[in-house]
Amino acid sequence: MKPLRLVVAINPTASFGKGSRVGPAVVQTLRAIGHTVTSLQEPDFEQLMESARQAIATRPDAFIVVGGDGMVSLASNLLAGSKVPLGIVPSGTGNDMARGLGIPFENTEAAIRMLADLLQGPPRTIDAGRVEYVDDDTGQASTRWFAGSLSAGFDAVVNERANRMRHPKGASRYTIAIGLELLRLKPIPYRLVLDGRPLETSAMLVSVGNNVSLGGGMKVTPDAKIDDGMLDVLVVQPLSRIQFLRIFPRVFKGTHLSDPRVAVHRVRSIRIESAVAVVYADGERIGPAPVDVTVVPGALRIFAPA
C-alpha cells in the first residue's frame, strides 16, 4: 500500500458524546496503516475553513471530513474544480450525502474501514451545483457550491427553524421543525427559469436535488443521480395543511412524486426569483432569492463506492 498524505478536518461542534471520539479514531486508524495525517480541529467553522484552505493549498492526496452534511458543504466549497479528492466519515445529524453515496452512516467503524479500502484505489467523480447570488451582508456577487441539494421554499424555512433549535440533536429535529412551521404554512410566489424556460407559479416547496435526500433521509428528489450532469427540481403546488400532512409521510419513501400536485423538472440550470424565499444549500444558509444554479459535471472527486 502506498502511504498517502492526508488531511482530516473534524467538525468543531462534535465535542460531546460519541461524536467526540470519531475524529480521533479516524486519525488513529489512518496513521496506523501507514498514512501521514494532518488533523484539523478548530473551535468554529470559520477558523476550520481557513485552516482547511491552507492545508488544501499544499495539495494533499485526500481531504477527509468527519461530520455531517455541513462538513461536506465546507469541503465542497473548498474542493470543487480541484484535483484534491474528498473522503467522508459521517458522524452528523442528517448524513444525507453519505446516504446517497453508499457510505455507512450508522456504523462509524464500517465507514472508516470503507474509507481505508477506497483510499487504495482511484476516486470517483460526481457533479456539484454552483450557486451565484448576491451576499445579503456585503452586497457583493458571490458563488457557493453544493453537492447534495438546494432548498428555496418550505424546506428552507424548516432549515431556518431547525438550525435555531438546540434540541433534539438527531434527525428528528428536522421533523419537529416541520411541525412547528406548519402553523405558518402558506404558498410562496416564484418566477423560475428552467434551462431558459420561464415558469411563474406559487408553490409550497422548491427543491433542487443533485442527491436523493435531505433532512436526514427525506427522499425529496428520489430519482436524482449524483453523476448524470443534471439537477432534479421539485415543485410542490399550493396545499392546505391537511393535504400537506397527507403527502409528507410519503417523502421518506420517495413515493410523493405520483401526486399530481408534485412536479419534477430535470435541468442543467435554474434561476429562482422570489420576493420572500430564502435559500439553503446542503443545510447551509445562502440568503434571500434570487439565485442562479448550474450543475457542473464531475466537479468533485470523492472516495465513495461506484
C-alpha atoms as a PDB file:
ATOM      1  CA  MET A   1       0.000   0.000   0.000  1.00  0.00           C
ATOM      2  CA  LYS A   2       1.300   3.400  -0.997  1.00  0.00           C
ATOM      3  CA  PRO A   3       1.448   5.777   2.010  1.00  0.00           C
ATOM      4  CA  LEU A   4      -0.634   8.894   1.396  1.00  0.00           C
ATOM      5  CA  ARG A   5      -0.520  12.421   2.722  1.00  0.00           C
ATOM      6  CA  LEU A   6      -3.957  13.075   4.192  1.00  0.00           C
ATOM      7  CA  VAL A   7      -5.748  15.990   5.858  1.00  0.00           C
ATOM      8  CA  VAL A   8      -8.573  15.172   8.270  1.00  0.00           C
ATOM      9  CA  ALA A   9     -10.959  18.011   9.214  1.00  0.00           C
ATOM     10  CA  ILE A  10     -13.128  17.351  12.255  1.00  0.00           C
ATOM     11  CA  ASN A  11     -16.482  19.034  12.886  1.00  0.00           C
ATOM     12  CA  PRO A  12     -15.859  21.668  15.603  1.00  0.00           C
ATOM     13  CA  THR A  13     -19.282  21.047  17.147  1.00  0.00           C
ATOM     14  CA  ALA A  14     -18.540  17.338  17.732  1.00  0.00           C
ATOM     15  CA  SER A  15     -17.221  17.897  21.230  1.00  0.00           C
ATOM     16  CA  PHE A  16     -19.592  15.746  23.254  1.00  0.00           C
ATOM     17  CA  GLY A  17     -20.843  12.162  23.425  1.00  0.00           C
ATOM     18  CA  LYS A  18     -19.785   9.569  20.909  1.00  0.00           C
ATOM     19  CA  GLY A  19     -19.194  12.262  18.280  1.00  0.00           C
ATOM     20  CA  SER A  20     -16.119  13.420  20.153  1.00  0.00           C
ATOM     21  CA  ARG A  21     -14.475  10.029  19.596  1.00  0.00           C
ATOM     22  CA  VAL A  22     -14.994   9.680  15.859  1.00  0.00           C
ATOM     23  CA  GLY A  23     -12.405  12.209  14.657  1.00  0.00           C
ATOM     24  CA  PRO A  24      -9.544  10.828  16.786  1.00  0.00           C
ATOM     25  CA  ALA A  25     -10.485   7.280  15.728  1.00  0.00           C
ATOM     26  CA  VAL A  26     -10.242   8.238  12.051  1.00  0.00           C
ATOM     27  CA  VAL A  27      -6.847   9.874  12.535  1.00  0.00           C
ATOM     28  CA  GLN A  28      -5.510   6.995  14.609  1.00  0.00           C
ATOM     29  CA  THR A  29      -6.664   4.346  12.128  1.00  0.00           C
ATOM     30  CA  LEU A  30      -5.224   6.108   9.091  1.00  0.00           C
ATOM     31  CA  ARG A  31      -1.894   6.648  10.820  1.00  0.00           C
ATOM     32  CA  ALA A  32      -1.803   3.026  11.979  1.00  0.00           C
ATOM     33  CA  ILE A  33      -1.986   1.778   8.384  1.00  0.00           C
ATOM     34  CA  GLY A  34       0.900   3.989   7.321  1.00  0.00           C
ATOM     35  CA  HIS A  35      -0.537   7.275   6.082  1.00  0.00           C
ATOM     36  CA  THR A  36       0.744  10.700   7.070  1.00  0.00           C
ATOM     37  CA  VAL A  37      -2.189  12.542   8.606  1.00  0.00           C
ATOM     38  CA  THR A  38      -2.657  16.219   9.428  1.00  0.00           C
ATOM     39  CA  SER A  39      -5.568  16.636  11.849  1.00  0.00           C
ATOM     40  CA  LEU A  40      -7.512  19.906  11.768  1.00  0.00           C
ATOM     41  CA  GLN A  41      -9.521  20.787  14.868  1.00  0.00           C
ATOM     42  CA  GLU A  42     -10.679  24.374  15.352  1.00  0.00           C
ATOM     43  CA  PRO A  43     -13.186  25.989  17.739  1.00  0.00           C
ATOM     44  CA  ASP A  44     -15.565  27.103  14.976  1.00  0.00           C
ATOM     45  CA  PHE A  45     -16.340  26.623  11.282  1.00  0.00           C
ATOM     46  CA  GLU A  46     -14.812  29.930  10.206  1.00  0.00           C
ATOM     47  CA  GLN A  47     -11.411  29.045  11.608  1.00  0.00           C
ATOM     48  CA  LEU A  48     -11.716  25.478  10.332  1.00  0.00           C
ATOM     49  CA  MET A  49     -12.457  26.779   6.844  1.00  0.00           C
ATOM     50  CA  GLU A  50      -9.302  28.900   6.872  1.00  0.00           C
ATOM     51  CA  SER A  51      -7.126  26.082   8.234  1.00  0.00           C
ATOM     52  CA  ALA A  52      -8.573  23.703   5.650  1.00  0.00           C
ATOM     53  CA  ARG A  53      -7.972  26.177   2.831  1.00  0.00           C
ATOM     54  CA  GLN A  54      -4.308  26.437   3.806  1.00  0.00           C
ATOM     55  CA  ALA A  55      -3.958  22.658   4.126  1.00  0.00           C
ATOM     56  CA  ILE A  56      -5.576  22.020   0.724  1.00  0.00           C
ATOM     57  CA  ALA A  57      -3.167  24.507  -0.871  1.00  0.00           C
ATOM     58  CA  THR A  58      -0.384  22.001  -0.102  1.00  0.00           C
ATOM     59  CA  ARG A  59      -2.184  19.500  -2.405  1.00  0.00           C
ATOM     60  CA  PRO A  60      -2.644  16.506  -0.114  1.00  0.00           C
ATOM     61  CA  ASP A  61      -3.621  13.144  -1.560  1.00  0.00           C
ATOM     62  CA  ALA A  62      -7.056  13.489   0.044  1.00  0.00           C
ATOM     63  CA  PHE A  63      -9.080  15.835   2.240  1.00  0.00           C
ATOM     64  CA  ILE A  64     -11.250  13.900   4.680  1.00  0.00           C
ATOM     65  CA  VAL A  65     -14.133  15.346   6.669  1.00  0.00           C
ATOM     66  CA  VAL A  66     -15.545  13.892   9.875  1.00  0.00           C
ATOM     67  CA  GLY A  67     -19.072  15.163  10.488  1.00  0.00           C
ATOM     68  CA  GLY A  68     -22.369  15.623   8.695  1.00  0.00           C
ATOM     69  CA  ASP A  69     -23.602  17.475   5.638  1.00  0.00           C
ATOM     70  CA  GLY A  70     -22.310  20.789   6.993  1.00  0.00           C
ATOM     71  CA  MET A  71     -18.779  19.395   6.796  1.00  0.00           C
ATOM     72  CA  VAL A  72     -19.439  18.086   3.295  1.00  0.00           C
ATOM     73  CA  SER A  73     -20.593  21.591   2.388  1.00  0.00           C
ATOM     74  CA  LEU A  74     -17.376  23.047   3.768  1.00  0.00           C
ATOM     75  CA  ALA A  75     -15.348  20.575   1.707  1.00  0.00           C
ATOM     76  CA  SER A  76     -17.398  21.097  -1.462  1.00  0.00           C
ATOM     77  CA  ASN A  77     -16.760  24.827  -1.355  1.00  0.00           C
ATOM     78  CA  LEU A  78     -13.025  24.253  -0.983  1.00  0.00           C
ATOM     79  CA  LEU A  79     -12.555  21.352  -3.399  1.00  0.00           C
ATOM     80  CA  ALA A  80     -14.981  21.927  -6.299  1.00  0.00           C
ATOM     81  CA  GLY A  81     -12.999  22.070  -9.516  1.00  0.00           C
ATOM     82  CA  SER A  82      -9.757  20.971  -7.852  1.00  0.00           C
ATOM     83  CA  LYS A  83      -7.860  17.696  -8.148  1.00  0.00           C
ATOM     84  CA  VAL A  84      -7.854  17.025  -4.393  1.00  0.00           C
ATOM     85  CA  PRO A  85     -10.352  14.227  -3.660  1.00  0.00           C
ATOM     86  CA  LEU A  86     -12.759  14.160  -0.733  1.00  0.00           C
ATOM     87  CA  GLY A  87     -13.289  11.425   1.831  1.00  0.00           C
ATOM     88  CA  ILE A  88     -16.257  11.315   4.233  1.00  0.00           C
ATOM     89  CA  VAL A  89     -16.661   9.682   7.632  1.00  0.00           C
ATOM     90  CA  PRO A  90     -20.256  10.561   8.608  1.00  0.00           C
ATOM     91  CA  SER A  91     -20.957  11.474  12.210  1.00  0.00           C
ATOM     92  CA  GLY A  92     -23.510  14.250  11.841  1.00  0.00           C
ATOM     93  CA  THR A  93     -27.263  14.684  12.202  1.00  0.00           C
ATOM     94  CA  GLY A  94     -28.595  14.012   8.709  1.00  0.00           C
ATOM     95  CA  ASN A  95     -25.679  12.474   6.791  1.00  0.00           C
ATOM     96  CA  ASP A  96     -27.612  12.712   3.532  1.00  0.00           C
ATOM     97  CA  MET A  97     -24.525  12.819   1.319  1.00  0.00           C
ATOM     98  CA  ALA A  98     -23.200   9.643   2.926  1.00  0.00           C
ATOM     99  CA  ARG A  99     -26.606   8.006   2.379  1.00  0.00           C
ATOM    100  CA  GLY A 100     -26.614   8.966  -1.287  1.00  0.00           C
ATOM    101  CA  LEU A 101     -23.039   7.811  -1.842  1.00  0.00           C
ATOM    102  CA  GLY A 102     -23.457   4.425  -0.183  1.00  0.00           C
ATOM    103  CA  ILE A 103     -21.164   5.217   2.759  1.00  0.00           C
ATOM    104  CA  PRO A 104     -22.214   3.612   6.087  1.00  0.00           C
ATOM    105  CA  PHE A 105     -23.815   6.408   8.111  1.00  0.00           C
ATOM    106  CA  GLU A 106     -24.897   4.500  11.211  1.00  0.00           C
ATOM    107  CA  ASN A 107     -21.723   2.470  11.720  1.00  0.00           C
ATOM    108  CA  THR A 108     -18.604   4.556  12.230  1.00  0.00           C
ATOM    109  CA  GLU A 109     -16.217   1.605  12.216  1.00  0.00           C
ATOM    110  CA  ALA A 110     -17.617   0.376   8.901  1.00  0.00           C
ATOM    111  CA  ALA A 111     -17.299   3.870   7.410  1.00  0.00           C
ATOM    112  CA  ILE A 112     -13.650   4.104   8.490  1.00  0.00           C
ATOM    113  CA  ARG A 113     -12.885   0.653   7.075  1.00  0.00           C
ATOM    114  CA  MET A 114     -14.551   1.568   3.796  1.00  0.00           C
ATOM    115  CA  LEU A 115     -12.563   4.799   3.559  1.00  0.00           C
ATOM    116  CA  ALA A 116      -9.290   2.976   4.262  1.00  0.00           C
ATOM    117  CA  ASP A 117     -10.063   0.499   1.461  1.00  0.00           C
ATOM    118  CA  LEU A 118     -11.198   3.172  -1.013  1.00  0.00           C
ATOM    119  CA  LEU A 119      -8.009   5.198  -0.469  1.00  0.00           C
ATOM    120  CA  GLN A 120      -6.111   2.361  -2.150  1.00  0.00           C
ATOM    121  CA  GLY A 121      -7.893   2.993  -5.457  1.00  0.00           C
ATOM    122  CA  PRO A 122      -8.844   5.981  -7.604  1.00  0.00           C
ATOM    123  CA  PRO A 123     -11.656   8.325  -6.531  1.00  0.00           C
ATOM    124  CA  ARG A 124     -14.872   8.626  -8.500  1.00  0.00           C
ATOM    125  CA  THR A 125     -16.201  11.909  -9.844  1.00  0.00           C
ATOM    126  CA  ILE A 126     -19.595  13.409  -9.053  1.00  0.00           C
ATOM    127  CA  ASP A 127     -21.431  16.561 -10.073  1.00  0.00           C
ATOM    128  CA  ALA A 128     -21.845  19.671  -7.946  1.00  0.00           C
ATOM    129  CA  GLY A 129     -24.197  22.633  -8.068  1.00  0.00           C
ATOM    130  CA  ARG A 130     -22.782  26.138  -8.424  1.00  0.00           C
ATOM    131  CA  VAL A 131     -24.896  28.904  -6.875  1.00  0.00           C
ATOM    132  CA  GLU A 132     -24.441  32.523  -7.932  1.00  0.00           C
ATOM    133  CA  TYR A 133     -26.100  35.116  -5.720  1.00  0.00           C
ATOM    134  CA  VAL A 134     -25.668  38.492  -4.050  1.00  0.00           C
ATOM    135  CA  ASP A 135     -24.429  38.242  -0.474  1.00  0.00           C
ATOM    136  CA  ASP A 136     -27.011  39.985   1.703  1.00  0.00           C
ATOM    137  CA  ASP A 137     -24.331  41.070   4.206  1.00  0.00           C
ATOM    138  CA  THR A 138     -21.796  42.557   1.777  1.00  0.00           C
ATOM    139  CA  GLY A 139     -23.909  43.289  -1.301  1.00  0.00           C
ATOM    140  CA  GLN A 140     -21.227  41.577  -3.401  1.00  0.00           C
ATOM    141  CA  ALA A 141     -21.738  38.978  -6.125  1.00  0.00           C
ATOM    142  CA  SER A 142     -20.784  35.609  -4.630  1.00  0.00           C
ATOM    143  CA  THR A 143     -20.520  31.936  -5.541  1.00  0.00           C
ATOM    144  CA  ARG A 144     -21.219  28.860  -3.414  1.00  0.00           C
ATOM    145  CA  TRP A 145     -21.213  25.149  -4.182  1.00  0.00           C
ATOM    146  CA  PHE A 146     -23.389  22.263  -3.043  1.00  0.00           C
ATOM    147  CA  ALA A 147     -23.071  18.534  -3.529  1.00  0.00           C
ATOM    148  CA  GLY A 148     -26.473  17.404  -2.287  1.00  0.00           C
ATOM    149  CA  SER A 149     -29.436  19.754  -2.517  1.00  0.00           C
ATOM    150  CA  LEU A 150     -30.646  23.332  -2.536  1.00  0.00           C
ATOM    151  CA  SER A 151     -33.863  24.423  -0.832  1.00  0.00           C
ATOM    152  CA  ALA A 152     -35.895  27.535  -1.571  1.00  0.00           C
ATOM    153  CA  GLY A 153     -39.331  27.041  -0.090  1.00  0.00           C
ATOM    154  CA  PHE A 154     -40.980  25.452   2.917  1.00  0.00           C
ATOM    155  CA  ASP A 155     -37.960  23.155   3.253  1.00  0.00           C
ATOM    156  CA  ALA A 156     -35.659  26.174   3.560  1.00  0.00           C
ATOM    157  CA  VAL A 157     -37.952  27.739   6.168  1.00  0.00           C
ATOM    158  CA  VAL A 158     -37.761  24.479   8.109  1.00  0.00           C
ATOM    159  CA  ASN A 159     -33.968  24.600   7.825  1.00  0.00           C
ATOM    160  CA  GLU A 160     -34.006  28.069   9.364  1.00  0.00           C
ATOM    161  CA  ARG A 161     -36.083  26.786  12.243  1.00  0.00           C
ATOM    162  CA  ALA A 162     -34.045  23.570  12.724  1.00  0.00           C
ATOM    163  CA  ASN A 163     -30.744  25.459  12.763  1.00  0.00           C
ATOM    164  CA  ARG A 164     -32.028  27.637  15.617  1.00  0.00           C
ATOM    165  CA  MET A 165     -33.049  24.621  17.674  1.00  0.00           C
ATOM    166  CA  ARG A 166     -30.629  23.170  20.187  1.00  0.00           C
ATOM    167  CA  HIS A 167     -32.649  20.039  20.869  1.00  0.00           C
ATOM    168  CA  PRO A 168     -33.076  17.320  19.862  1.00  0.00           C
ATOM    169  CA  LYS A 169     -29.672  16.563  18.336  1.00  0.00           C
ATOM    170  CA  GLY A 170     -30.757  13.831  15.914  1.00  0.00           C
ATOM    171  CA  ALA A 171     -32.592  13.821  12.603  1.00  0.00           C
ATOM    172  CA  SER A 172     -35.905  14.193  14.474  1.00  0.00           C
ATOM    173  CA  ARG A 173     -35.042  17.876  14.933  1.00  0.00           C
ATOM    174  CA  TYR A 174     -35.925  18.450  11.276  1.00  0.00           C
ATOM    175  CA  THR A 175     -39.267  16.662  11.674  1.00  0.00           C
ATOM    176  CA  ILE A 176     -40.116  18.723  14.751  1.00  0.00           C
ATOM    177  CA  ALA A 177     -39.204  21.914  12.876  1.00  0.00           C
ATOM    178  CA  ILE A 178     -41.641  20.884  10.129  1.00  0.00           C
ATOM    179  CA  GLY A 179     -44.427  20.559  12.673  1.00  0.00           C
ATOM    180  CA  LEU A 180     -43.731  23.994  14.094  1.00  0.00           C
ATOM    181  CA  GLU A 181     -43.566  25.687  10.694  1.00  0.00           C
ATOM    182  CA  LEU A 182     -46.790  24.037   9.540  1.00  0.00           C
ATOM    183  CA  LEU A 183     -48.599  26.527  11.758  1.00  0.00           C
ATOM    184  CA  ARG A 184     -47.497  29.278   9.357  1.00  0.00           C
ATOM    185  CA  LEU A 185     -47.762  27.263   6.158  1.00  0.00           C
ATOM    186  CA  LYS A 186     -48.571  29.262   3.036  1.00  0.00           C
ATOM    187  CA  PRO A 187     -47.525  29.201  -0.640  1.00  0.00           C
ATOM    188  CA  ILE A 188     -44.727  31.396  -1.986  1.00  0.00           C
ATOM    189  CA  PRO A 189     -44.882  33.169  -5.398  1.00  0.00           C
ATOM    190  CA  TYR A 190     -41.934  32.286  -7.660  1.00  0.00           C
ATOM    191  CA  ARG A 191     -40.530  33.047 -11.050  1.00  0.00           C
ATOM    192  CA  LEU A 192     -38.377  30.122 -12.149  1.00  0.00           C
ATOM    193  CA  VAL A 193     -36.242  29.929 -15.280  1.00  0.00           C
ATOM    194  CA  LEU A 194     -35.596  26.273 -16.130  1.00  0.00           C
ATOM    195  CA  ASP A 195     -32.888  25.876 -18.782  1.00  0.00           C
ATOM    196  CA  GLY A 196     -34.020  29.209 -20.193  1.00  0.00           C
ATOM    197  CA  ARG A 197     -37.765  28.454 -19.962  1.00  0.00           C
ATOM    198  CA  PRO A 198     -39.675  30.804 -17.622  1.00  0.00           C
ATOM    199  CA  LEU A 199     -42.270  29.462 -15.200  1.00  0.00           C
ATOM    200  CA  GLU A 200     -44.313  31.690 -12.908  1.00  0.00           C
ATOM    201  CA  THR A 201     -46.001  29.783 -10.128  1.00  0.00           C
ATOM    202  CA  SER A 202     -46.951  29.680  -6.477  1.00  0.00           C
ATOM    203  CA  ALA A 203     -45.533  26.725  -4.604  1.00  0.00           C
ATOM    204  CA  MET A 204     -45.109  25.282  -1.152  1.00  0.00           C
ATOM    205  CA  LEU A 205     -41.710  23.940  -1.912  1.00  0.00           C
ATOM    206  CA  VAL A 206     -38.968  24.322  -4.499  1.00  0.00           C
ATOM    207  CA  SER A 207     -36.028  21.975  -4.035  1.00  0.00           C
ATOM    208  CA  VAL A 208     -33.079  21.391  -6.353  1.00  0.00           C
ATOM    209  CA  GLY A 209     -31.569  17.936  -5.949  1.00  0.00           C
ATOM    210  CA  ASN A 210     -28.220  16.600  -7.071  1.00  0.00           C
ATOM    211  CA  ASN A 211     -28.576  13.964  -4.357  1.00  0.00           C
ATOM    212  CA  VAL A 212     -31.671  11.955  -3.397  1.00  0.00           C
ATOM    213  CA  SER A 213     -32.419  13.138   0.128  1.00  0.00           C
ATOM    214  CA  LEU A 214     -32.200  15.950   2.651  1.00  0.00           C
ATOM    215  CA  GLY A 215     -33.177  16.415   6.288  1.00  0.00           C
ATOM    216  CA  GLY A 216     -31.887  13.020   7.386  1.00  0.00           C
ATOM    217  CA  GLY A 217     -33.339  10.690   4.767  1.00  0.00           C
ATOM    218  CA  MET A 218     -36.292  12.581   3.294  1.00  0.00           C
ATOM    219  CA  LYS A 219     -36.216  11.442  -0.353  1.00  0.00           C
ATOM    220  CA  VAL A 220     -37.329  14.740  -1.809  1.00  0.00           C
ATOM    221  CA  THR A 221     -35.808  14.061  -5.252  1.00  0.00           C
ATOM    222  CA  PRO A 222     -35.753  10.241  -5.249  1.00  0.00           C
ATOM    223  CA  ASP A 223     -34.723   9.858  -8.897  1.00  0.00           C
ATOM    224  CA  ALA A 224     -31.786  12.262  -8.748  1.00  0.00           C
ATOM    225  CA  LYS A 225     -28.404  10.861  -9.769  1.00  0.00           C
ATOM    226  CA  ILE A 226     -25.274  12.419  -8.424  1.00  0.00           C
ATOM    227  CA  ASP A 227     -23.212  11.943 -11.581  1.00  0.00           C
ATOM    228  CA  ASP A 228     -25.578  12.382 -14.541  1.00  0.00           C
ATOM    229  CA  GLY A 229     -24.925  16.052 -15.304  1.00  0.00           C
ATOM    230  CA  MET A 230     -28.476  17.059 -14.367  1.00  0.00           C
ATOM    231  CA  LEU A 231     -30.386  18.554 -11.430  1.00  0.00           C
ATOM    232  CA  ASP A 232     -33.862  17.461 -10.348  1.00  0.00           C
ATOM    233  CA  VAL A 233     -36.106  20.429  -9.474  1.00  0.00           C
ATOM    234  CA  LEU A 234     -39.072  19.525  -7.298  1.00  0.00           C
ATOM    235  CA  VAL A 235     -42.022  21.947  -7.318  1.00  0.00           C
ATOM    236  CA  VAL A 236     -44.980  21.309  -4.992  1.00  0.00           C
ATOM    237  CA  GLN A 237     -48.166  23.243  -5.767  1.00  0.00           C
ATOM    238  CA  PRO A 238     -50.108  25.061  -3.014  1.00  0.00           C
ATOM    239  CA  LEU A 239     -51.583  22.686  -0.423  1.00  0.00           C
ATOM    240  CA  SER A 240     -53.672  23.012   2.685  1.00  0.00           C
ATOM    241  CA  ARG A 241     -52.172  21.816   5.955  1.00  0.00           C
ATOM    242  CA  ILE A 242     -54.231  18.629   5.789  1.00  0.00           C
ATOM    243  CA  GLN A 243     -53.165  17.957   2.189  1.00  0.00           C
ATOM    244  CA  PHE A 244     -49.546  18.617   3.071  1.00  0.00           C
ATOM    245  CA  LEU A 245     -49.725  16.250   6.032  1.00  0.00           C
ATOM    246  CA  ARG A 246     -51.124  13.540   3.775  1.00  0.00           C
ATOM    247  CA  ILE A 247     -48.289  13.870   1.285  1.00  0.00           C
ATOM    248  CA  PHE A 248     -45.449  14.456   3.747  1.00  0.00           C
ATOM    249  CA  PRO A 249     -45.079  10.881   5.100  1.00  0.00           C
ATOM    250  CA  ARG A 250     -44.580   9.654   1.527  1.00  0.00           C
ATOM    251  CA  VAL A 251     -41.406  11.744   1.239  1.00  0.00           C
ATOM    252  CA  PHE A 252     -39.493   9.245   3.384  1.00  0.00           C
ATOM    253  CA  LYS A 253     -40.124   6.542   0.766  1.00  0.00           C
ATOM    254  CA  GLY A 254     -39.935   8.846  -2.232  1.00  0.00           C
ATOM    255  CA  THR A 255     -43.456   7.963  -3.360  1.00  0.00           C
ATOM    256  CA  HIS A 256     -44.784  11.535  -3.313  1.00  0.00           C
ATOM    257  CA  LEU A 257     -43.906  12.049  -6.989  1.00  0.00           C
ATOM    258  CA  SER A 258     -47.071  10.192  -8.036  1.00  0.00           C
ATOM    259  CA  ASP A 259     -49.234  13.004  -6.635  1.00  0.00           C
ATOM    260  CA  PRO A 260     -50.448  15.280  -9.484  1.00  0.00           C
ATOM    261  CA  ARG A 261     -49.629  18.391  -7.432  1.00  0.00           C
ATOM    262  CA  VAL A 262     -45.946  17.419  -7.385  1.00  0.00           C
ATOM    263  CA  ALA A 263     -43.752  18.018 -10.437  1.00  0.00           C
ATOM    264  CA  VAL A 264     -40.075  17.339 -11.160  1.00  0.00           C
ATOM    265  CA  HIS A 265     -38.121  19.178 -13.851  1.00  0.00           C
ATOM    266  CA  ARG A 266     -34.722  17.830 -14.921  1.00  0.00           C
ATOM    267  CA  VAL A 267     -32.442  20.714 -15.852  1.00  0.00           C
ATOM    268  CA  ARG A 268     -28.861  21.868 -16.147  1.00  0.00           C
ATOM    269  CA  SER A 269     -29.612  25.337 -14.800  1.00  0.00           C
ATOM    270  CA  ILE A 270     -32.321  27.144 -12.871  1.00  0.00           C
ATOM    271  CA  ARG A 271     -32.873  30.707 -11.763  1.00  0.00           C
ATOM    272  CA  ILE A 272     -35.054  31.146  -8.700  1.00  0.00           C
ATOM    273  CA  GLU A 273     -36.682  34.534  -8.163  1.00  0.00           C
ATOM    274  CA  SER A 274     -38.933  35.371  -5.240  1.00  0.00           C
ATOM    275  CA  ALA A 275     -39.634  38.389  -3.076  1.00  0.00           C
ATOM    276  CA  VAL A 276     -39.801  36.306   0.101  1.00  0.00           C
ATOM    277  CA  ALA A 277     -37.969  32.978  -0.378  1.00  0.00           C
ATOM    278  CA  VAL A 278     -34.765  32.238   1.490  1.00  0.00           C
ATOM    279  CA  VAL A 279     -32.259  29.762   0.040  1.00  0.00           C
ATOM    280  CA  TYR A 280     -30.251  26.982   1.709  1.00  0.00           C
ATOM    281  CA  ALA A 281     -27.687  24.668   0.112  1.00  0.00           C
ATOM    282  CA  ASP A 282     -26.656  21.427   1.838  1.00  0.00           C
ATOM    283  CA  GLY A 283     -28.264  22.765   5.002  1.00  0.00           C
ATOM    284  CA  GLU A 284     -26.208  25.981   4.986  1.00  0.00           C
ATOM    285  CA  ARG A 285     -27.816  29.384   4.548  1.00  0.00           C
ATOM    286  CA  ILE A 286     -27.155  31.170   1.237  1.00  0.00           C
ATOM    287  CA  GLY A 287     -29.533  34.094   1.693  1.00  0.00           C
ATOM    288  CA  PRO A 288     -32.620  35.531   0.019  1.00  0.00           C
ATOM    289  CA  ALA A 289     -33.506  34.885  -3.639  1.00  0.00           C
ATOM    290  CA  PRO A 290     -32.725  35.442  -6.463  1.00  0.00           C
ATOM    291  CA  VAL A 291     -30.111  32.768  -7.118  1.00  0.00           C
ATOM    292  CA  ASP A 292     -28.749  31.188 -10.295  1.00  0.00           C
ATOM    293  CA  VAL A 293     -27.940  27.489 -10.006  1.00  0.00           C
ATOM    294  CA  THR A 294     -25.917  25.491 -12.549  1.00  0.00           C
ATOM    295  CA  VAL A 295     -24.791  21.880 -12.444  1.00  0.00           C
ATOM    296  CA  VAL A 296     -21.067  21.353 -13.069  1.00  0.00           C
ATOM    297  CA  PRO A 297     -20.466  17.745 -14.164  1.00  0.00           C
ATOM    298  CA  GLY A 298     -17.544  15.996 -12.494  1.00  0.00           C
ATOM    299  CA  ALA A 299     -16.772  18.975 -10.268  1.00  0.00           C
ATOM    300  CA  LEU A 300     -15.869  16.839  -7.239  1.00  0.00           C
ATOM    301  CA  ARG A 301     -13.571  13.856  -6.848  1.00  0.00           C
ATOM    302  CA  ILE A 302     -14.629  11.643  -3.984  1.00  0.00           C
ATOM    303  CA  PHE A 303     -13.784   8.345  -2.323  1.00  0.00           C
ATOM    304  CA  ALA A 304     -17.107   6.522  -2.395  1.00  0.00           C
ATOM    305  CA  PRO A 305     -18.429   3.254  -3.805  1.00  0.00           C
ATOM    306  CA  ALA A 306     -19.018   3.267  -7.553  1.00  0.00           C
END
